[in-house]
Amino acid sequence: MTPIEPTIRIRPPLLKGQRHIDLPLTTGANIVEPSSSSPVTDPILEYLLKQEKYAASQIEFWIHQRDELRRLISVQKMGSRFCPEIYHRRASAADSDHTTALSLIESTIKSLERHLPAHPLPDSFSSELQLHLAQLSQLAPFPNSIKLLVWKLSYRLWNTCVDLSNASTAKISEEHAKLRQVAAELLFLTADVVGIPSPGFKAALFYYKTGLIWHDLRKFDLANNCFEKATDLVSNIEINSVSDDDERKFLLDLNLARSRAAWEVSDRNLAFALLNRSKNVLFGVSRNYNALANQYLTFGKTLLSISEGSVVNEALKLMNDALELCEKGLRVVKRTEETLNLKELRLKTLRFIAAAHLQSDDFESVLKCVKVLREVGSGGDYHPSLSVLAMKAWLGLGRYGEAEKELRGMVVNKGIPEGVWVSAVESYFLAAGAAGAETVKGVFLGLLERCHVSAGAAIRVVNKVVGSGLSNGEGMKLRANVVNELVSDERVVVLFDREGAAKERTTMHALLWNCATEYFRSKDYLLSAEMFEKSMLYVPHGIENRILRAKGYRVLCLCYLGLLQLDRAEEYINEAEKLEPNIASAFLKFKIFLQKNDHNSAIAQMQAMPSCLDFTTDFISSQPMKLLPAVLFLLLLPLCPNS
């Protein structure tokens, strides 16, 4: 039999983010003496029989061990006064059984230590260890010397798991996590060991870290089971007697971990109860106040993201509790770094409280929070979100002048990300409507001078100003004029000439083209022509785009035909014919000549139509009937004697 090493490296268990799963263990199962009236239930034997991978020899070995233990129990019941020699001989045999069980565990750990980290873990390691653990649990109670050996093996197993995890770049597997569970179960089995300081805390720490692994794996029921066992191990400890800083922090971390696990399974009441219970283990330490306040804030933000009116009040309560904890923590803080952390958390909490008030349409409270944030401390808080919150609150109160000031103030604040101010511009325009179009243009062009703006941001702003449908009267003209000025600005056009902006350029062209088409259908040919002209700014001059440019010139010709500006129409159709000579261009020229009463040019154009490559007789017949008299007149004109 291989002796167990007297010493192994014992260090605090490390954690890299490992995972873990479990098989039901028979920890604490009792051996029942057989009787004639009821059959004996042996959970380990049942487990072995269900697993096909265990050979008959292994099952026979366990039956032999079980029978030996039963005989030992019978002798113990008789009492040592009847046969002291037999009693001591049996006691010595029990020690031998302990050593045998521990040797099997150590042998499996040695095999695990030789495992290559690059290879996935087979399930044989955890299965064997769980079997040996079940066998060991049948031998309880243990002498203290055996308990110490169990602790050494547990730490050895844990450290091996840590080494394997650190040496591998792959995501931790559930098989790996099962081994962590076994290490924790070994300590739980011998948690009353003598000679190790704070054994309950150390055993609970193993369960806590294993529970965190389960939580990362989203196995919340197993995580909660570990946290509950850890809580049981430290439940009898008087809180006021705990003086070690790490142990104090552990009590708080354990409560927070249980609260998070309860939250994940939607047991909010339990999660809130555990948070409230955590207030009893702060021990006047500022970092503990920070940790608990941050957890309150996290739950509050999660509720706020649901966007349901019924949970806003609940979110506000959580955030107010977080704010109160920050204030209390600042009164006991001693280190500068911890002071800064608590102040930053307080500001962050206030910002989310303002957001919660905004979500519940309590605009006055939003402005109060913003005012407090801007006045706090010496320099105040200038977080990018404050301008957005204030602007939306002013819009909600119908005070567009104040909202415009906040929006224009964003141009000065270089710390505001692009997505934030684009969202603010969209919100402002949505509330102010066409009256805010000029402001939007000014803000956007101001931002172009201040910072780098992407082509995508320009598309979002133009799309918001254009709107999903056409308005009527002055509002429509105002929107169109703002868009025309915006997209024709050289600084905006340059955004789409950059390398890698081809997709955005196509999007902008399509956006303007569709808008111009809507104006054309509503017979507003002037606005339509202006918008088609601006869309041409986003069509490159390369040969691959000549057909698209020709199409643009033809629709511009149609717009000016509608406006009866025949010279402009002729200019555009001539440009289109240079790029793509086809029957459509020829017919539009014919129509222009007709409206100019230039009969000779019209006849020449008609005679040239059959030479177009895409000409068909169907093209003439498909034209409106009102053109037919003019066509017949031109065809008969050469036959007249005075022609």
Foldseek 3Di string as FASTA:
>chain_A
DDFQDPDDDFDQFDDDQAAADADDAPFPDEFDADDPPDGGDDVLLVVQVVDPVDDPVVSVVVVVVSVLVNVLVVVVVVPCVVPVVVNVVSVVVLVVQLRVLLVQLVVLLVVLLPDDLADDDDLPSLVSLSSSLNSNSHSDDDDLVSLVSLLNSLSSQSVSLVVSVVVDPDHHDRSSLSSLVSSLVSLVSNQVHPDDPPSLQSSLVSLQSSLSSNVSVVVLVSSLVSLVSSCVSCVPPDLVVDDDPVSLVVVLSSLQSNLVSCVSVVNNVSNVVSLVVSVVSQVLALVSLLVSLVSLQVVLVVQVVVLDPVCLVVSLVSLVVSLVSLVSSCVRDDDPVSNVSSVVSNLVSLQVNLVSCVSVLVLVSNVVSLVCQQPPDDRGDDPLVSLLSNLSSCLSVVNLVSNLVSLLVVLVDPVHDLVSSLVSLLSSCVSVPLVCLVSSLVSVVSNLVRDDDALVSVLSNLDSLLDPDADDDPSRVSSLVSSLVNLPPPSNLVNCVDPPNLVSLVVVLVSLQVSLVNCVVVVVLVSSLSSLVSSVSSQDPDLVRLQVQLVSLQVNLVSVVSVVVLVSSVVSLVSSCVSPNALSSLVSVLVSCVVVVVLVVNLVSVVCNVVGPPDDPVVVVPDDPVCVVVVVCSVCVVVDPVD
